């Protein structure tokens, strides 16, 4: 049986058409057809088979989170940052914010193990949304942690409308709000145009960290080898026949970044 899928077209199994190219990936196959621009030559990056497994997710979620901080926001030690959602994307953003030296790094989530890991990876403060009946209270909490100024950089990885609205509100004057998480196609928010303009805020959409993978993947590997980017804290390996367990653990938060191993 041959199974192909990729960024450019659907594949087939025994001549029956299948789809598996969400966001140009999601092949769930041992072989894939991809665009040449999506390929990073790992010959000089990977030393062992175990490293190949570890580095497998660098081209998507981990690149997305860290790249948004480094490449889109261009974070500096002068910045205060709030990262909403501490999954693989959000925790990668936390690690990049620490590398960038951000003076305040706030992590927002509702899963205790993720909040704990966020603190270990670089969060200076955490907000547990399980404590709130209304997610709009995140605005008040962020302002308490930033002397009422709000954050200069706000990144949402959740796609939750209530958190998006809160993030836009607590982003500081002349700050930048960056939407990374995928919301439902119907999701909309209202922005008070005059206030938004007068405060000089920026609303930015970012995809895959807006990086050049051929340059940025080696950068992440370099950070990892220097001990500044502990992505091994995020991943958990599963054999291919255990994919259902991987999905289950991802849903309830015990696995941050499951990796399916074919061999």
Protein backbone atom coordinates (compact mmCIF):
# COMPACT_ATOMS: atom_id res chain seq x y z
CA UNK A 1 0.00 0.00 0.00
CA UNK A 2 1.23 3.45 -0.83
CA UNK A 3 0.05 6.49 1.06
CA UNK A 4 1.01 9.98 0.00
CA UNK A 5 -0.12 13.39 1.11
CA UNK A 6 1.41 16.80 1.26
CA UNK A 7 1.13 20.51 0.85
CA UNK A 8 0.20 20.50 -2.80
CA UNK A 9 -2.48 17.85 -3.13
CA UNK A 10 -4.37 15.01 -1.50
CA UNK A 11 -3.01 11.49 -1.76
CA UNK A 12 -4.45 8.07 -2.36
CA UNK A 13 -4.68 4.60 -0.92
CA UNK A 14 -5.33 1.88 -3.50
CA UNK A 15 -6.47 4.65 -5.88
CA UNK A 16 -8.99 5.96 -3.34
CA UNK A 17 -8.45 9.66 -2.73
CA UNK A 18 -7.62 10.71 0.81
CA UNK A 19 -6.92 14.08 2.35
CA UNK A 20 -4.26 14.90 4.88
CA UNK A 21 -2.84 18.31 4.17
CA UNK A 22 -4.23 20.57 6.89
CA UNK A 23 -2.00 23.63 6.90
CA UNK A 24 0.25 21.97 4.33
CA UNK A 25 1.10 19.04 6.58
CA UNK A 26 -0.75 16.44 8.72
CA UNK A 27 0.28 13.59 6.47
CA UNK A 28 0.00 10.85 9.13
CA UNK A 29 1.98 8.58 6.81
CA UNK A 30 5.44 7.09 6.67
CA UNK A 31 6.13 9.00 3.44
CA UNK A 32 4.92 12.39 2.26
CA UNK A 33 5.09 14.65 -0.74
CA UNK A 34 5.94 18.22 0.26
CA UNK A 35 6.90 21.46 -1.38
CA UNK A 36 10.63 21.89 -1.87
CA UNK A 37 10.52 25.15 0.10
CA UNK A 38 9.31 23.19 3.14
CA UNK A 39 12.33 20.89 3.23
CA UNK A 40 15.26 21.52 5.58
CA UNK A 41 18.42 19.52 4.92
CA UNK A 42 19.19 17.93 8.31
CA UNK A 43 22.34 16.12 7.23
CA UNK A 44 24.68 18.31 9.29
CA UNK A 45 22.17 19.00 12.08
CA UNK A 46 21.21 15.54 13.30
CA UNK A 47 23.75 13.32 15.01
CA UNK A 48 21.63 10.32 16.00
CA UNK A 49 18.27 8.70 15.28
CA UNK A 50 17.08 9.84 18.70
CA UNK A 51 17.89 13.43 17.76
CA UNK A 52 15.97 13.03 14.52
CA UNK A 53 12.89 12.07 16.54
CA UNK A 54 13.43 14.94 18.97
CA UNK A 55 13.87 17.54 16.23
CA UNK A 56 10.89 16.28 14.18
CA UNK A 57 8.42 18.94 15.45
CA UNK A 58 10.81 21.87 14.95
CA UNK A 59 9.22 22.69 11.60
CA UNK A 60 5.77 23.46 12.96
CA UNK A 61 4.56 24.20 16.50
CA UNK A 62 7.93 24.80 18.12
CA UNK A 63 9.02 26.99 15.23
CA UNK A 64 5.69 28.81 15.36
CA UNK A 65 5.83 29.72 19.04
CA UNK A 66 9.46 30.67 19.30
CA UNK A 67 9.56 32.33 15.89
CA UNK A 68 6.63 34.55 16.79
CA UNK A 69 8.56 35.90 19.76
CA UNK A 70 11.91 36.25 18.02
CA UNK A 71 11.00 37.02 14.43
CA UNK A 72 7.56 38.66 14.54
CA UNK A 73 7.53 40.47 17.90
CA UNK A 74 11.33 40.94 17.93
CA UNK A 75 11.24 40.75 21.72
CA UNK A 76 13.92 42.44 23.83
CA UNK A 77 14.77 42.67 27.56
CA UNK A 78 12.61 45.81 27.70
CA UNK A 79 9.47 43.84 26.87
CA UNK A 80 6.74 42.40 29.04
CA UNK A 81 5.02 39.47 27.35
CA UNK A 82 1.88 37.44 27.95
CA UNK A 83 1.47 34.07 26.26
CA UNK A 84 -2.06 32.68 26.33
CA UNK A 85 -2.16 28.91 26.01
CA UNK A 86 0.77 26.75 27.16
CA UNK A 87 0.69 23.89 24.71
CA UNK A 88 3.59 23.15 22.38
CA UNK A 89 3.31 26.52 20.64
CA UNK A 90 2.89 28.55 23.83
CA UNK A 91 5.68 26.85 25.78
CA UNK A 92 8.01 27.29 22.81
CA UNK A 93 7.16 30.98 22.95
CA UNK A 94 7.98 30.98 26.66
CA UNK A 95 11.42 29.51 25.99
CA UNK A 96 12.08 32.09 23.27
CA UNK A 97 10.93 34.91 25.56
CA UNK A 98 13.46 33.74 28.13
CA UNK A 99 16.20 33.62 25.49
CA UNK A 100 15.19 37.15 24.46
CA UNK A 101 15.49 38.28 28.09
CA UNK A 102 11.93 39.61 28.46
CA UNK A 103 11.66 41.08 31.94
CA UNK A 104 8.14 39.77 32.60
CA UNK A 105 6.84 36.54 31.05
CA UNK A 106 3.22 35.70 31.90
CA UNK A 107 1.77 32.31 31.02
CA UNK A 108 -1.99 31.73 30.87
CA UNK A 109 -3.58 28.27 30.90
CA UNK A 110 -6.02 26.05 32.79
CA UNK A 111 -3.97 22.83 33.02
CA UNK A 112 -1.89 22.72 36.20
CA UNK A 113 0.91 20.59 34.74
CA UNK A 114 1.35 23.04 31.87
CA UNK A 115 1.41 26.02 34.21
CA UNK A 116 4.05 24.26 36.31
CA UNK A 117 6.16 23.46 33.25
CA UNK A 118 5.75 27.03 32.04
CA UNK A 119 7.26 28.27 35.29
CA UNK A 120 10.18 25.87 34.93
CA UNK A 121 10.82 26.96 31.34
CA UNK A 122 10.78 30.71 31.95
CA UNK A 123 7.45 32.17 33.08
CA UNK A 124 7.92 34.78 35.78
CA UNK A 125 4.18 34.67 36.50
CA UNK A 126 1.26 32.38 35.72
CA UNK A 127 -2.50 32.85 35.51
CA UNK A 128 -4.72 29.82 36.09
CA UNK A 129 -8.00 30.47 34.29
CA UNK A 130 -9.78 27.69 36.21
CA UNK A 131 -10.13 30.23 38.99
CA UNK A 132 -12.31 32.52 36.89
CA UNK A 133 -15.98 32.30 36.01
CA UNK A 134 -15.37 34.90 33.32
CA UNK A 135 -12.19 34.92 31.19
CA UNK A 136 -12.38 38.72 30.98
CA UNK A 137 -10.87 38.70 34.49
CA UNK A 138 -7.54 37.88 32.85
CA UNK A 139 -7.37 41.59 31.99
CA UNK A 140 -7.35 42.55 35.66
CA UNK A 141 -4.78 39.88 36.54
CA UNK A 142 -2.36 40.89 33.78
CA UNK A 143 -2.58 44.53 34.80
CA UNK A 144 -1.83 43.62 38.41
CA UNK A 145 1.32 41.84 37.28
CA UNK A 146 2.47 44.76 35.10
CA UNK A 147 1.83 47.74 37.40
CA UNK A 148 -1.34 48.47 35.43
CA UNK A 149 0.53 49.03 32.16
CA UNK A 150 -0.37 45.76 30.43
CA UNK A 151 2.01 43.83 28.21
CA UNK A 152 4.05 45.20 25.34
CA UNK A 153 3.69 41.84 23.57
CA UNK A 154 0.63 39.60 23.76
CA UNK A 155 0.49 36.25 21.97
CA UNK A 156 -2.62 34.08 21.80
CA UNK A 157 -2.22 30.41 20.88
CA UNK A 158 -5.70 29.29 21.99
CA UNK A 159 -8.09 30.76 19.45
CA UNK A 160 -10.61 31.33 22.26
CA UNK A 161 -12.65 34.44 21.54
CA UNK A 162 -12.91 35.55 25.19
CA UNK A 163 -9.13 35.34 25.64
CA UNK A 164 -8.53 37.13 22.36
CA UNK A 165 -10.78 39.97 23.49
CA UNK A 166 -9.02 40.10 26.86
CA UNK A 167 -5.60 40.10 25.21
CA UNK A 168 -6.47 42.98 22.91
CA UNK A 169 -7.69 44.94 25.93
CA UNK A 170 -4.73 44.40 28.26
CA UNK A 171 -2.07 44.95 25.60
CA UNK A 172 -0.30 48.16 26.55
CA UNK A 173 -0.26 51.46 24.70
CA UNK A 174 1.86 51.03 21.55
CA UNK A 175 1.99 47.30 22.29
CA UNK A 176 1.51 44.51 19.80
CA UNK A 177 -1.10 41.77 19.97
CA UNK A 178 -0.21 38.71 17.86
CA UNK A 179 -2.77 36.09 16.89
CA UNK A 180 -1.27 32.65 16.39
CA UNK A 181 -3.98 30.23 17.55
CA UNK A 182 -6.60 29.18 15.02
CA UNK A 183 -10.08 30.36 15.93
CA UNK A 184 -13.27 29.07 14.36
CA UNK A 185 -13.99 30.58 10.92
CA UNK A 186 -17.03 32.34 12.39
CA UNK A 187 -15.17 33.95 15.30
CA UNK A 188 -15.23 37.75 15.36
CA UNK A 189 -14.22 40.39 17.86
CA UNK A 190 -15.16 44.04 18.13
CA UNK A 191 -12.42 46.63 18.44
CA UNK A 192 -13.16 50.21 19.53
CA UNK A 193 -11.41 51.84 16.60
CA UNK A 194 -10.74 55.27 18.12
CA UNK A 195 -9.34 53.85 21.36
CA UNK A 196 -7.25 51.28 19.51
CA UNK A 197 -5.86 53.98 17.24
CA UNK A 198 -5.29 56.52 20.00
CA UNK A 199 -3.33 53.99 22.07
CA UNK A 200 -1.22 53.00 19.09
CA UNK A 201 -1.82 49.27 19.46
CA UNK A 202 -1.05 46.79 16.69
CA UNK A 203 -3.03 43.63 15.87
CA UNK A 204 -0.91 41.15 13.93
CA UNK A 205 -1.61 37.71 12.48
CA UNK A 206 1.36 35.35 12.31
CA UNK A 207 1.82 31.95 10.66
CA UNK A 208 4.64 29.52 11.47
CA UNK A 209 6.59 32.29 13.17
CA UNK A 210 7.08 33.93 9.77
CA UNK A 211 10.55 32.43 9.62
CA UNK A 212 12.71 30.99 6.87
CA UNK A 213 12.89 27.35 8.05
CA UNK A 214 16.24 26.65 6.39
CA UNK A 215 17.77 29.38 8.60
CA UNK A 216 15.60 29.09 11.69
CA UNK A 217 15.60 25.32 12.28
CA UNK A 218 19.41 25.28 12.64
CA UNK A 219 19.07 28.24 15.03
CA UNK A 220 16.71 26.26 17.27
CA UNK A 221 19.03 23.26 17.19
CA UNK A 222 21.90 25.55 18.20
CA UNK A 223 19.91 26.92 21.15
CA UNK A 224 19.07 23.36 22.19
CA UNK A 225 22.73 22.28 22.12
CA UNK A 226 23.61 25.35 24.20
CA UNK A 227 21.06 24.27 26.83
CA UNK A 228 18.87 27.35 26.30
CA UNK A 229 16.02 25.68 24.43
CA UNK A 230 15.06 22.48 26.29
CA UNK A 231 12.55 21.19 23.78
CA UNK A 232 13.02 17.68 25.18
CA UNK A 233 10.82 18.85 28.07
CA UNK A 234 7.91 19.21 25.63
CA UNK A 235 8.00 15.99 23.63
CA UNK A 236 6.78 12.48 24.30
CA UNK A 237 7.37 9.58 21.92
CA UNK A 238 4.67 7.09 20.91
CA UNK A 239 4.87 4.12 18.58
CA UNK A 240 2.58 4.41 15.60
CA UNK A 241 0.17 1.76 16.88
CA UNK A 242 -0.27 3.86 20.03
CA UNK A 243 -1.46 6.96 18.21
CA UNK A 244 -4.83 6.91 19.96
CA UNK A 245 -3.12 7.16 23.34
CA UNK A 246 -1.07 10.06 22.00
CA UNK A 247 -4.24 11.89 20.98
CA UNK A 248 -5.85 11.16 24.35
CA UNK A 249 -2.87 12.44 26.34
CA UNK A 250 -2.67 15.54 24.18
CA UNK A 251 -6.35 16.30 24.81
CA UNK A 252 -6.13 16.12 28.60
CA UNK A 253 -2.76 17.85 28.74
CA UNK A 254 -0.36 15.17 29.98
CA UNK A 255 1.49 15.17 26.64
CA UNK A 256 2.54 18.55 25.30
CA UNK A 257 3.98 17.52 21.94
CA UNK A 258 3.35 13.86 21.04
CA UNK A 259 5.65 12.44 18.38
CA UNK A 260 4.53 9.37 16.41
CA UNK A 261 7.48 7.09 15.62
CA UNK A 262 7.14 4.73 12.68
CA UNK A 263 10.08 2.58 13.74
